[in-house]
Amino acid sequence: MIVVSWIWKIWFLIYMFISTILFYPFLWISIVALKNYPLTFKIYRIWGSSICFFLGIYPIVEGIENLPKKNGYILVANHSSQLDIIVPYALLKNHFAFLAKKELEKLPLFNINFKGMNVTVDRKSMVSGIESLSACANKLDNNINLLIFPEGTKNKTAPQLAAFKNGPFKLSVHKNTPIIPMVFLHNYKRFPADFSKGKASPGISKLVILPPIYPQNKGEKTVEELKKECFDVINNYILQQKLS
C-alpha cells in the first residue's frame, strides 16, 4: 500500500506540472492580455475538474443552498491539502478569488495566477497584510467572493484545526459581509499536507458548506467573537464526523 500511495503522489505532481503547462497559454491570454477574470475563473473550473478526473478524485458538495444569492461574501475553510485549492473550482460555480501566501508569486508558470486574479499576502509583514486586506476589500466591492484559509497555511495536524488568523474576520466586520464556513472532510487523506508522510489515494473529496455567519457591531472584540464562532462551527462539525 505504501508503494501504491507513493506512485499516486508522484502521478499527482506529474499531472499538476503537465496541466499547469497546458493551461498556461489560456490563462496568460485571459489574465494578462484580456484581464477578463470571469473568463479566467471558467478556465480554472475546467482545470480543476480535469485534475480531479485524471487523479481519480470524486468531488461532492453538501450544503450548496447555504451560499448567499448575492455575491461578495467570504468563504473560510480548514486547510490540510493541495486539493483544497483544486476541489472548490470543480464544485463552486460563483466566481471567487483566493488569498494565498506571497511565496507563490515566485513559482514559475504558477505565478501568473496572481497578476490581478488572486491576492497574496506576506504574513510576516504588517504592510503586506494591510495591502492584501485592501485588495480583498476591492474584490468584495466588485462582487467577487473570496476563499481564505484562516489557519494561514496547510495544517499538518489535520483533522485537528490550527489557530485561526484575524484577517478574514477583520475584513468581514469592516465590509459587513457574511462569513461562509466550509469543511473539507477527506482531502487530508487524499493528499496530505506533509508530502513525505501519510498515505495518499484517489477517492471521494467532500466539501460541506455550513450556514453563513453575519458580523454585527464593528470593533476588535467583534472580530475575536466572529473568529471564535467560525472556529467552533468548523471544529465541531469535524469532531461530529469523527464520532459518527
Protein backbone atom coordinates (compact mmCIF):
# COMPACT_ATOMS: atom_id res chain seq x y z
CA MET A 1 0.00 0.00 0.00
CA ILE A 2 2.87 2.38 0.76
CA VAL A 3 4.30 1.82 -2.72
CA VAL A 4 0.90 2.44 -4.33
CA SER A 5 0.49 5.58 -2.25
CA TRP A 6 3.84 6.94 -3.42
CA ILE A 7 3.06 6.12 -7.05
CA TRP A 8 -0.17 8.11 -6.76
CA LYS A 9 1.63 11.04 -5.09
CA ILE A 10 4.16 11.15 -7.91
CA TRP A 11 1.39 10.94 -10.51
CA PHE A 12 -0.33 13.83 -8.71
CA LEU A 13 2.77 16.02 -9.07
CA ILE A 14 3.33 14.96 -12.69
CA TYR A 15 -0.21 15.81 -13.74
CA MET A 16 -0.13 19.11 -11.83
CA PHE A 17 3.01 20.04 -13.79
CA ILE A 18 1.56 18.89 -17.13
CA SER A 19 -1.78 20.64 -16.60
CA THR A 20 -0.07 23.87 -15.50
CA ILE A 21 1.86 23.95 -18.77
CA LEU A 22 -1.19 23.07 -20.88
CA PHE A 23 -3.41 25.72 -19.30
CA TYR A 24 -0.74 28.42 -19.10
CA PRO A 25 -1.35 29.94 -22.58
CA PHE A 26 -5.09 30.23 -21.94
CA LEU A 27 -4.51 31.80 -18.53
CA TRP A 28 -1.96 34.23 -19.94
CA ILE A 29 -4.43 35.41 -22.57
CA SER A 30 -7.34 35.75 -20.13
CA ILE A 31 -5.36 37.30 -17.24
CA VAL A 32 -2.58 39.34 -18.84
CA ALA A 33 -3.88 40.17 -22.30
CA LEU A 34 -7.64 40.43 -21.71
CA LYS A 35 -7.79 41.00 -17.94
CA ASN A 36 -11.01 39.02 -18.15
CA TYR A 37 -11.28 37.48 -14.70
CA PRO A 38 -14.72 35.84 -15.13
CA LEU A 39 -13.31 34.04 -18.19
CA THR A 40 -10.24 33.09 -16.15
CA PHE A 41 -12.47 31.60 -13.47
CA LYS A 42 -14.19 29.43 -16.10
CA ILE A 43 -10.76 28.21 -17.23
CA TYR A 44 -9.89 27.45 -13.59
CA ARG A 45 -13.07 25.38 -13.32
CA ILE A 46 -12.09 23.30 -16.35
CA TRP A 47 -8.54 22.94 -14.98
CA GLY A 48 -9.78 21.86 -11.53
CA SER A 49 -12.25 19.36 -12.98
CA SER A 50 -9.56 17.87 -15.22
CA ILE A 51 -7.23 17.35 -12.26
CA CYS A 52 -9.97 15.60 -10.29
CA PHE A 53 -10.81 13.39 -13.28
CA PHE A 54 -7.25 12.30 -14.11
CA LEU A 55 -6.32 11.77 -10.46
CA GLY A 56 -9.40 9.77 -9.59
CA ILE A 57 -10.78 12.38 -7.19
CA TYR A 58 -14.58 12.39 -6.93
CA PRO A 59 -15.62 15.82 -5.59
CA ILE A 60 -19.05 16.20 -3.98
CA VAL A 61 -20.62 19.12 -2.18
CA GLU A 62 -23.21 19.33 0.58
CA GLY A 63 -24.99 22.50 1.74
CA ILE A 64 -24.73 24.44 -1.53
CA GLU A 65 -28.04 26.08 -0.56
CA ASN A 66 -26.19 27.88 2.26
CA LEU A 67 -24.38 30.14 -0.21
CA PRO A 68 -25.92 33.64 -0.31
CA LYS A 69 -27.68 34.56 -3.55
CA LYS A 70 -25.79 37.87 -3.66
CA ASN A 71 -22.04 37.70 -4.38
CA GLY A 72 -19.47 39.48 -2.25
CA TYR A 73 -19.06 37.03 0.63
CA ILE A 74 -16.07 35.37 2.32
CA LEU A 75 -15.58 31.61 2.27
CA VAL A 76 -13.36 30.19 5.01
CA ALA A 77 -12.28 26.56 5.32
CA ASN A 78 -9.86 24.20 7.02
CA HIS A 79 -6.66 23.74 5.02
CA SER A 80 -4.69 20.49 5.00
CA SER A 81 -4.05 19.61 1.36
CA GLN A 82 -3.20 20.93 -2.09
CA LEU A 83 -6.63 19.63 -3.07
CA ASP A 84 -8.22 22.41 -1.01
CA ILE A 85 -7.32 24.76 -3.85
CA ILE A 86 -8.43 22.44 -6.65
CA VAL A 87 -11.72 20.96 -5.43
CA PRO A 88 -13.59 24.28 -4.96
CA TYR A 89 -13.06 25.11 -8.63
CA ALA A 90 -14.68 21.82 -9.58
CA LEU A 91 -17.67 22.36 -7.26
CA LEU A 92 -18.42 26.09 -6.91
CA LYS A 93 -19.87 27.97 -9.87
CA ASN A 94 -19.74 31.51 -8.48
CA HIS A 95 -16.57 33.47 -9.19
CA PHE A 96 -14.18 33.60 -6.21
CA ALA A 97 -10.58 34.67 -5.62
CA PHE A 98 -8.02 33.10 -3.31
CA LEU A 99 -5.91 34.78 -0.64
CA ALA A 100 -2.58 32.94 -0.80
CA LYS A 101 0.90 33.23 0.69
CA LYS A 102 3.34 35.61 -1.01
CA GLU A 103 5.84 32.85 -1.84
CA LEU A 104 3.55 31.50 -4.57
CA GLU A 105 4.25 34.61 -6.65
CA LYS A 106 7.79 33.32 -7.13
CA LEU A 107 6.81 29.97 -8.66
CA PRO A 108 7.44 29.80 -12.42
CA LEU A 109 4.27 29.42 -14.52
CA PHE A 110 2.03 29.33 -11.43
CA ASN A 111 2.76 32.96 -10.55
CA ILE A 112 0.56 34.19 -13.40
CA ASN A 113 -2.46 33.37 -11.22
CA PHE A 114 -1.63 36.38 -9.03
CA LYS A 115 -1.43 39.06 -11.70
CA GLY A 116 -4.73 40.62 -10.67
CA MET A 117 -6.80 37.44 -10.41
CA ASN A 118 -5.96 36.27 -6.88
CA VAL A 119 -4.41 38.04 -3.88
CA THR A 120 -1.22 37.25 -1.98
CA VAL A 121 -0.01 38.24 1.48
CA ASP A 122 3.33 38.17 3.28
CA ARG A 123 2.22 37.12 6.75
CA LYS A 124 5.48 38.39 8.25
CA SER A 125 4.84 41.94 7.03
CA MET A 126 2.22 44.22 8.57
CA VAL A 127 2.33 46.47 5.49
CA SER A 128 1.69 43.50 3.19
CA GLY A 129 -1.18 42.42 5.43
CA ILE A 130 -2.82 45.84 5.16
CA GLU A 131 -2.30 45.92 1.38
CA SER A 132 -3.76 42.42 0.94
CA LEU A 133 -6.84 43.27 3.02
CA SER A 134 -7.32 46.36 0.85
CA ALA A 135 -7.05 44.21 -2.29
CA CYS A 136 -9.52 41.71 -0.82
CA ALA A 137 -11.94 44.53 0.04
CA ASN A 138 -11.71 45.69 -3.57
CA LYS A 139 -12.67 42.19 -4.75
CA LEU A 140 -15.74 42.24 -2.49
CA ASP A 141 -16.69 45.69 -3.80
CA ASN A 142 -16.68 44.19 -7.29
CA ASN A 143 -18.96 41.31 -6.19
CA ILE A 144 -16.14 38.77 -6.30
CA ASN A 145 -16.25 36.25 -3.48
CA LEU A 146 -13.13 35.35 -1.52
CA LEU A 147 -11.81 31.98 -0.34
CA ILE A 148 -9.47 32.36 2.63
CA PHE A 149 -7.83 29.67 4.77
CA PRO A 150 -7.78 31.21 8.28
CA GLU A 151 -5.21 28.67 9.53
CA GLY A 152 -2.76 30.56 7.33
CA THR A 153 -1.04 27.57 5.74
CA LYS A 154 -1.58 23.86 5.17
CA ASN A 155 -2.11 22.19 8.53
CA LYS A 156 -0.01 19.05 9.09
CA THR A 157 -2.01 18.01 12.18
CA ALA A 158 -5.34 17.60 10.33
CA PRO A 159 -8.11 16.88 11.04
CA GLN A 160 -7.28 18.86 14.19
CA LEU A 161 -7.56 22.58 13.43
CA ALA A 162 -4.74 25.07 13.91
CA ALA A 163 -5.46 28.51 15.40
CA PHE A 164 -7.22 30.97 13.09
CA LYS A 165 -5.71 34.28 11.93
CA ASN A 166 -7.70 37.51 12.23
CA GLY A 167 -7.58 38.61 8.56
CA PRO A 168 -10.85 37.26 7.10
CA PHE A 169 -12.81 38.24 10.19
CA LYS A 170 -11.46 41.80 10.21
CA LEU A 171 -12.47 42.01 6.58
CA SER A 172 -15.94 40.64 7.33
CA VAL A 173 -16.53 43.20 10.06
CA HIS A 174 -15.07 46.08 8.03
CA LYS A 175 -17.16 45.31 4.93
CA ASN A 176 -20.17 43.95 6.85
CA THR A 177 -20.17 40.87 4.65
CA PRO A 178 -21.03 37.30 5.72
CA ILE A 179 -18.54 34.56 6.51
CA ILE A 180 -19.40 31.17 4.99
CA PRO A 181 -17.71 28.34 6.95
CA MET A 182 -16.74 25.29 4.89
CA VAL A 183 -15.23 21.91 5.77
CA PHE A 184 -13.04 19.67 3.61
CA LEU A 185 -13.68 16.24 5.08
CA HIS A 186 -11.38 13.94 3.11
CA ASN A 187 -8.61 15.99 1.50
CA TYR A 188 -6.05 15.37 4.24
CA LYS A 189 -6.50 11.65 3.50
CA ARG A 190 -6.41 12.04 -0.29
CA PHE A 191 -3.21 14.14 -0.40
CA PRO A 192 -1.73 15.15 3.00
CA ALA A 193 0.00 18.45 3.69
CA ASP A 194 3.27 16.69 4.51
CA PHE A 195 4.23 15.09 1.20
CA SER A 196 6.82 12.79 2.80
CA LYS A 197 4.42 11.36 5.39
CA GLY A 198 0.99 9.80 5.41
CA LYS A 199 -0.84 7.72 2.86
CA ALA A 200 -2.43 9.23 -0.23
CA SER A 201 -5.05 7.84 -2.56
CA PRO A 202 -7.82 8.69 -5.02
CA GLY A 203 -11.40 8.69 -3.80
CA ILE A 204 -14.18 10.95 -2.56
CA SER A 205 -13.45 14.58 -1.68
CA LYS A 206 -16.43 16.03 0.15
CA LEU A 207 -16.89 19.75 0.72
CA VAL A 208 -19.54 20.76 3.28
CA ILE A 209 -20.86 24.33 3.20
CA LEU A 210 -22.26 25.44 6.55
CA PRO A 211 -24.78 28.26 7.21
CA PRO A 212 -23.48 31.85 6.93
CA ILE A 213 -22.26 33.79 9.95
CA TYR A 214 -23.07 37.50 9.85
CA PRO A 215 -20.99 40.19 11.59
CA GLN A 216 -22.80 42.67 13.80
CA ASN A 217 -21.27 45.54 15.76
CA LYS A 218 -17.92 46.72 14.45
CA GLY A 219 -14.85 46.62 16.69
CA GLU A 220 -11.87 44.47 17.65
CA LYS A 221 -13.91 42.47 20.16
CA THR A 222 -16.41 41.57 17.44
CA VAL A 223 -13.54 40.29 15.28
CA GLU A 224 -12.47 37.94 18.06
CA GLU A 225 -16.04 36.77 18.62
CA LEU A 226 -16.55 36.19 14.91
CA LYS A 227 -13.28 34.26 14.67
CA LYS A 228 -14.16 32.09 17.66
CA GLU A 229 -17.67 31.39 16.37
CA CYS A 230 -16.35 30.34 12.97
CA PHE A 231 -13.59 28.18 14.51
CA ASP A 232 -16.11 26.45 16.78
CA VAL A 233 -18.57 25.80 13.94
CA ILE A 234 -15.93 24.17 11.72
CA ASN A 235 -14.23 22.32 14.57
CA ASN A 236 -17.49 20.96 15.99
CA TYR A 237 -18.52 19.67 12.57
CA ILE A 238 -15.20 17.87 12.16
CA LEU A 239 -15.49 16.34 15.63
CA GLN A 240 -19.04 15.17 14.92
CA GLN A 241 -17.88 13.43 11.76
CA LYS A 242 -15.07 11.67 13.66
CA LEU A 243 -17.52 10.41 16.29
CA SER A 244 -20.19 9.28 13.83
